Each structure stands twice: as C-alpha cells, then as structure tokens.
N, C-alpha and C. Protein backbone atom coordinates (compact mmCIF):
# COMPACT_ATOMS: atom_id res chain seq x y z
N UNK A 1 0.84 -1.18 0.00
CA UNK A 1 0.00 0.00 0.00
C UNK A 1 0.89 1.24 0.00
N UNK A 2 0.56 2.19 -0.83
CA UNK A 2 1.27 3.47 -0.85
C UNK A 2 0.35 4.57 -0.34
N UNK A 3 0.93 5.73 -0.10
CA UNK A 3 0.18 6.88 0.41
C UNK A 3 0.37 8.04 -0.55
N UNK A 4 -0.75 8.57 -1.03
CA UNK A 4 -0.70 9.72 -1.93
C UNK A 4 -1.26 10.92 -1.20
N UNK A 5 -0.54 12.04 -1.29
CA UNK A 5 -0.96 13.28 -0.66
C UNK A 5 -1.08 14.34 -1.75
N UNK A 6 -2.24 14.92 -1.86
CA UNK A 6 -2.46 16.05 -2.77
C UNK A 6 -2.44 17.32 -1.93
N UNK A 7 -1.55 18.23 -2.29
CA UNK A 7 -1.46 19.49 -1.57
C UNK A 7 -1.75 20.61 -2.56
N UNK A 8 -2.78 21.41 -2.24
CA UNK A 8 -3.15 22.56 -3.05
C UNK A 8 -2.55 23.80 -2.38
N UNK A 9 -1.60 24.42 -3.04
CA UNK A 9 -1.00 25.67 -2.56
C UNK A 9 -1.71 26.81 -3.26
N UNK A 10 -2.25 27.75 -2.50
CA UNK A 10 -2.97 28.88 -3.07
C UNK A 10 -2.39 30.18 -2.55
N UNK A 11 -2.22 31.14 -3.45
CA UNK A 11 -1.69 32.45 -3.09
C UNK A 11 -2.33 33.52 -3.95
N UNK A 12 -1.62 34.62 -4.11
CA UNK A 12 -2.06 35.72 -4.96
C UNK A 12 -0.90 36.14 -5.85
N UNK A 13 -1.22 36.87 -6.90
CA UNK A 13 -0.21 37.45 -7.79
C UNK A 13 0.78 36.42 -8.35
N UNK A 14 0.29 35.21 -8.61
CA UNK A 14 1.15 34.18 -9.18
C UNK A 14 2.13 33.55 -8.22
N UNK A 15 1.96 33.79 -6.92
CA UNK A 15 2.93 33.31 -5.94
C UNK A 15 2.97 31.80 -5.80
N UNK A 16 1.86 31.10 -6.02
CA UNK A 16 1.88 29.64 -5.93
C UNK A 16 2.78 29.07 -7.03
N UNK A 17 2.68 29.61 -8.21
CA UNK A 17 3.53 29.15 -9.32
C UNK A 17 5.00 29.52 -9.04
N UNK A 18 5.24 30.71 -8.50
CA UNK A 18 6.61 31.11 -8.16
C UNK A 18 7.21 30.17 -7.11
N UNK A 19 6.39 29.74 -6.15
CA UNK A 19 6.82 28.77 -5.14
C UNK A 19 7.28 27.48 -5.81
N UNK A 20 6.43 26.93 -6.70
CA UNK A 20 6.77 25.67 -7.38
C UNK A 20 8.03 25.85 -8.23
N UNK A 21 8.13 26.97 -8.91
CA UNK A 21 9.32 27.22 -9.73
C UNK A 21 10.58 27.28 -8.87
N UNK A 22 10.50 27.91 -7.70
CA UNK A 22 11.67 27.98 -6.82
C UNK A 22 12.01 26.61 -6.23
N UNK A 23 10.99 25.82 -5.93
CA UNK A 23 11.23 24.45 -5.45
C UNK A 23 12.02 23.66 -6.49
N UNK A 24 11.66 23.82 -7.75
CA UNK A 24 12.37 23.11 -8.82
C UNK A 24 13.76 23.71 -9.05
N UNK A 25 13.84 25.00 -9.18
CA UNK A 25 15.10 25.69 -9.49
C UNK A 25 16.16 25.48 -8.39
N UNK A 26 15.72 25.45 -7.14
CA UNK A 26 16.65 25.31 -6.01
C UNK A 26 17.16 23.88 -5.83
N UNK A 27 16.53 22.93 -6.52
CA UNK A 27 16.92 21.53 -6.36
C UNK A 27 16.22 20.81 -5.23
N UNK A 28 15.37 21.53 -4.50
CA UNK A 28 14.66 20.91 -3.37
C UNK A 28 13.71 19.83 -3.86
N UNK A 29 12.96 20.10 -4.92
CA UNK A 29 12.03 19.09 -5.44
C UNK A 29 12.80 17.85 -5.90
N UNK A 30 13.93 18.04 -6.56
CA UNK A 30 14.74 16.92 -7.01
C UNK A 30 15.24 16.10 -5.82
N UNK A 31 15.67 16.78 -4.77
CA UNK A 31 16.14 16.09 -3.56
C UNK A 31 15.03 15.25 -2.94
N UNK A 32 13.81 15.77 -2.94
CA UNK A 32 12.67 15.01 -2.40
C UNK A 32 12.41 13.78 -3.26
N UNK A 33 12.46 13.95 -4.58
CA UNK A 33 12.24 12.81 -5.49
C UNK A 33 13.28 11.71 -5.29
N UNK A 34 14.47 12.09 -4.83
CA UNK A 34 15.55 11.13 -4.63
C UNK A 34 15.52 10.47 -3.25
N UNK A 35 14.62 10.92 -2.37
CA UNK A 35 14.53 10.32 -1.04
C UNK A 35 14.04 8.89 -1.13
N UNK A 36 14.57 8.05 -0.24
CA UNK A 36 14.09 6.67 -0.15
C UNK A 36 12.60 6.67 0.16
N UNK A 37 11.85 5.92 -0.60
CA UNK A 37 10.41 5.80 -0.36
C UNK A 37 9.55 6.77 -1.13
N UNK A 38 10.14 7.76 -1.79
CA UNK A 38 9.32 8.68 -2.59
C UNK A 38 9.01 8.06 -3.93
N UNK A 39 7.75 8.03 -4.29
CA UNK A 39 7.31 7.46 -5.55
C UNK A 39 6.96 8.52 -6.59
N UNK A 40 6.57 9.71 -6.11
CA UNK A 40 6.18 10.78 -7.03
C UNK A 40 6.19 12.10 -6.28
N UNK A 41 6.64 13.14 -6.98
CA UNK A 41 6.61 14.49 -6.43
C UNK A 41 6.52 15.42 -7.62
N UNK A 42 5.30 15.79 -8.01
CA UNK A 42 5.07 16.57 -9.23
C UNK A 42 4.06 17.67 -9.00
N UNK A 43 4.36 18.83 -9.60
CA UNK A 43 3.47 19.99 -9.53
C UNK A 43 2.60 20.07 -10.78
N UNK A 44 1.34 20.50 -10.58
CA UNK A 44 0.39 20.69 -11.68
C UNK A 44 -0.33 22.03 -11.48
N UNK A 45 -0.79 22.60 -12.56
CA UNK A 45 -1.43 23.91 -12.52
C UNK A 45 -2.88 23.79 -13.00
N UNK A 46 -3.86 23.90 -12.09
CA UNK A 46 -5.27 23.81 -12.48
C UNK A 46 -5.64 24.93 -13.45
N UNK A 47 -6.24 24.57 -14.56
CA UNK A 47 -6.60 25.55 -15.57
C UNK A 47 -7.64 26.54 -15.07
N UNK A 48 -8.54 26.11 -14.20
CA UNK A 48 -9.62 26.98 -13.73
C UNK A 48 -9.20 27.90 -12.59
N UNK A 49 -7.99 27.72 -12.05
CA UNK A 49 -7.56 28.52 -10.91
C UNK A 49 -6.07 28.87 -11.04
N UNK A 50 -5.76 29.99 -11.67
CA UNK A 50 -4.35 30.34 -11.89
C UNK A 50 -3.58 30.68 -10.62
N UNK A 51 -4.25 30.81 -9.49
CA UNK A 51 -3.58 31.13 -8.23
C UNK A 51 -3.32 29.90 -7.37
N UNK A 52 -3.55 28.70 -7.92
CA UNK A 52 -3.34 27.46 -7.18
C UNK A 52 -2.38 26.55 -7.93
N UNK A 53 -1.56 25.86 -7.17
CA UNK A 53 -0.68 24.81 -7.68
C UNK A 53 -1.04 23.54 -6.92
N UNK A 54 -1.15 22.43 -7.64
CA UNK A 54 -1.41 21.13 -7.03
C UNK A 54 -0.11 20.34 -7.01
N UNK A 55 0.27 19.87 -5.83
CA UNK A 55 1.40 18.96 -5.69
C UNK A 55 0.85 17.56 -5.45
N UNK A 56 1.25 16.62 -6.28
CA UNK A 56 0.93 15.21 -6.04
C UNK A 56 2.21 14.57 -5.50
N UNK A 57 2.11 14.09 -4.27
CA UNK A 57 3.24 13.59 -3.51
C UNK A 57 2.89 12.17 -3.07
N UNK A 58 3.65 11.18 -3.52
CA UNK A 58 3.31 9.79 -3.22
C UNK A 58 4.50 9.09 -2.57
N UNK A 59 4.20 8.30 -1.54
CA UNK A 59 5.23 7.64 -0.73
C UNK A 59 4.92 6.17 -0.55
N UNK A 60 5.96 5.37 -0.36
CA UNK A 60 5.80 3.93 -0.14
C UNK A 60 5.15 3.60 1.19
N UNK A 61 5.39 4.45 2.21
CA UNK A 61 4.90 4.12 3.56
C UNK A 61 4.83 5.37 4.43
N UNK A 62 4.16 5.23 5.55
CA UNK A 62 4.13 6.31 6.52
C UNK A 62 5.51 6.57 7.08
N UNK A 63 6.30 5.51 7.25
CA UNK A 63 7.67 5.67 7.75
C UNK A 63 8.48 6.57 6.82
N UNK A 64 8.34 6.39 5.51
CA UNK A 64 9.07 7.24 4.55
C UNK A 64 8.62 8.69 4.67
N UNK A 65 7.33 8.91 4.89
CA UNK A 65 6.82 10.28 5.07
C UNK A 65 7.39 10.88 6.35
N UNK A 66 7.42 10.10 7.41
CA UNK A 66 7.93 10.59 8.69
C UNK A 66 9.40 11.00 8.56
N UNK A 67 10.20 10.22 7.86
CA UNK A 67 11.61 10.55 7.65
C UNK A 67 11.71 11.84 6.85
N UNK A 68 10.89 11.96 5.81
CA UNK A 68 10.87 13.19 4.99
C UNK A 68 10.50 14.40 5.86
N UNK A 69 9.51 14.23 6.72
CA UNK A 69 9.07 15.35 7.57
C UNK A 69 10.16 15.80 8.54
N UNK A 70 11.12 14.94 8.84
CA UNK A 70 12.22 15.31 9.71
C UNK A 70 13.45 15.83 8.96
N UNK A 71 13.33 15.99 7.66
CA UNK A 71 14.49 16.38 6.84
C UNK A 71 14.62 17.89 6.72
N UNK A 72 15.78 18.33 6.23
CA UNK A 72 16.05 19.74 5.98
C UNK A 72 15.08 20.32 4.94
N UNK A 73 14.57 19.46 4.09
CA UNK A 73 13.68 19.92 3.02
C UNK A 73 12.39 20.53 3.56
N UNK A 74 11.91 20.03 4.68
CA UNK A 74 10.67 20.58 5.26
C UNK A 74 10.89 22.01 5.73
N UNK A 75 12.06 22.31 6.28
CA UNK A 75 12.35 23.69 6.67
C UNK A 75 12.38 24.60 5.45
N UNK A 76 12.96 24.11 4.37
CA UNK A 76 13.02 24.89 3.12
C UNK A 76 11.60 25.15 2.60
N UNK A 77 10.76 24.11 2.58
CA UNK A 77 9.38 24.25 2.09
C UNK A 77 8.61 25.24 2.96
N UNK A 78 8.73 25.11 4.28
CA UNK A 78 8.02 26.02 5.19
C UNK A 78 8.45 27.46 4.97
N UNK A 79 9.74 27.67 4.79
CA UNK A 79 10.23 29.03 4.53
C UNK A 79 9.69 29.60 3.23
N UNK A 80 9.62 28.78 2.20
CA UNK A 80 9.08 29.26 0.91
C UNK A 80 7.58 29.53 1.00
N UNK A 81 6.86 28.71 1.77
CA UNK A 81 5.41 28.98 1.94
C UNK A 81 5.21 30.33 2.58
N UNK A 82 6.03 30.66 3.57
CA UNK A 82 5.94 31.97 4.22
C UNK A 82 6.34 33.07 3.24
N UNK A 83 7.46 32.88 2.56
CA UNK A 83 7.95 33.87 1.59
C UNK A 83 6.88 34.24 0.58
N UNK A 84 6.14 33.24 0.09
CA UNK A 84 5.14 33.47 -0.96
C UNK A 84 3.73 33.64 -0.42
N UNK A 85 3.54 33.60 0.90
CA UNK A 85 2.24 33.84 1.51
C UNK A 85 1.18 32.82 1.09
N UNK A 86 1.54 31.55 1.10
CA UNK A 86 0.63 30.51 0.60
C UNK A 86 -0.23 29.89 1.69
N UNK A 87 -1.41 29.46 1.28
CA UNK A 87 -2.32 28.68 2.12
C UNK A 87 -2.37 27.28 1.51
N UNK A 88 -2.70 26.30 2.36
CA UNK A 88 -2.70 24.91 1.90
C UNK A 88 -4.03 24.23 2.19
N UNK A 89 -4.39 23.35 1.27
CA UNK A 89 -5.47 22.37 1.49
C UNK A 89 -4.85 21.02 1.18
N UNK A 90 -5.04 20.03 2.07
CA UNK A 90 -4.38 18.74 1.92
C UNK A 90 -5.42 17.63 1.87
N UNK A 91 -5.20 16.71 0.93
CA UNK A 91 -5.99 15.48 0.81
C UNK A 91 -5.02 14.30 0.90
N UNK A 92 -5.41 13.26 1.61
CA UNK A 92 -4.54 12.09 1.76
C UNK A 92 -5.32 10.84 1.37
N UNK A 93 -4.67 9.98 0.59
CA UNK A 93 -5.29 8.75 0.11
C UNK A 93 -4.34 7.58 0.33
N UNK A 94 -4.88 6.46 0.76
CA UNK A 94 -4.11 5.23 0.83
C UNK A 94 -4.47 4.41 -0.40
N UNK A 95 -3.44 4.05 -1.16
CA UNK A 95 -3.63 3.38 -2.44
C UNK A 95 -3.37 1.89 -2.27
N UNK A 96 -4.33 1.08 -2.66
CA UNK A 96 -4.15 -0.36 -2.55
C UNK A 96 -3.39 -0.87 -3.77
N UNK A 97 -2.78 -2.01 -3.60
CA UNK A 97 -2.05 -2.64 -4.69
C UNK A 97 -3.05 -3.24 -5.68
N UNK A 98 -2.63 -3.44 -6.89
CA UNK A 98 -3.49 -4.10 -7.87
C UNK A 98 -3.95 -3.18 -8.98
N UNK A 99 -3.79 -1.88 -8.83
CA UNK A 99 -4.10 -0.98 -9.93
C UNK A 99 -5.57 -0.81 -10.21
N UNK A 100 -5.88 -0.62 -11.47
CA UNK A 100 -7.24 -0.33 -11.93
C UNK A 100 -8.08 -1.60 -11.96
N UNK A 101 -9.28 -1.57 -11.36
CA UNK A 101 -10.15 -2.76 -11.42
C UNK A 101 -10.51 -3.10 -12.87
N UNK A 102 -10.64 -4.35 -13.13
CA UNK A 102 -10.97 -4.83 -14.48
C UNK A 102 -12.21 -4.14 -15.04
N UNK A 103 -13.23 -3.93 -14.21
CA UNK A 103 -14.48 -3.32 -14.69
C UNK A 103 -14.28 -1.88 -15.16
N UNK A 104 -13.19 -1.24 -14.75
CA UNK A 104 -12.91 0.14 -15.18
C UNK A 104 -11.90 0.21 -16.31
N UNK A 105 -11.20 -0.86 -16.58
CA UNK A 105 -10.07 -0.82 -17.51
C UNK A 105 -10.49 -0.48 -18.95
N UNK A 106 -11.71 -0.80 -19.34
CA UNK A 106 -12.11 -0.52 -20.73
C UNK A 106 -12.33 0.99 -20.97
N UNK A 107 -12.31 1.80 -19.93
CA UNK A 107 -12.44 3.25 -20.08
C UNK A 107 -11.07 3.92 -20.33
N UNK A 108 -10.02 3.14 -20.24
CA UNK A 108 -8.67 3.70 -20.32
C UNK A 108 -8.05 3.36 -21.67
N UNK A 109 -7.55 4.37 -22.33
CA UNK A 109 -6.84 4.17 -23.60
C UNK A 109 -5.37 4.47 -23.35
N UNK A 110 -4.52 3.50 -23.62
CA UNK A 110 -3.08 3.69 -23.42
C UNK A 110 -2.40 3.98 -24.73
C-alpha cells in the first residue's frame, strides 16, 4: 500500500507558481524525489484557478513520510510557503495494490 498526498497551494499574484518554480530551481524538489520511499513528487497547474498549484506527492509508507518530515527539506518548504504567503489544502489517500479494477479498464486508452 502506498500513500498519496495532494497538496493545493494557493496564493495571490502568481505566488503559488513562483513557489513551485523555486522548489524546482533550487533543487529541493529533485532532492525530495531522490529520497528513499518517494514514488512521485510533481506539480500541476489547475486551468480553472491560476492562483493554485497542485502537488501530487506519493510515498511507499508512513515511515518514509515521517523521515521526509524530519528532513532539511521541510524547513526549506516552510520558509518558501511563508515567503510566498501561501495557504494549503491537503488530501490524503491510501492506495491499494493491484491498480485499476478490471471493470474500469475498458475506459482507459493507453
């Protein structure tokens, strides 16, 4: 079972996008992707809301998340959230193994 966390960062004046750009440019996002247990760390930009950035963050286990939360990267992220005046909404999902159920697979075109 893996854990997926969706984090919506919202700001004003394009600050959410600037936050994501600085995370990438500074190498912090890359460092998170290289952490043991990280399965995905990607930013997306909702078309209907230019002031929000969606981070999809996926981990192998709660233990991997806990180690990440104790890392230097969390201090960097917290500082950038303050710098850009961002608010957060968080969703957490536990993903079961086995992928897409057979009954849904015919809706997917690869």
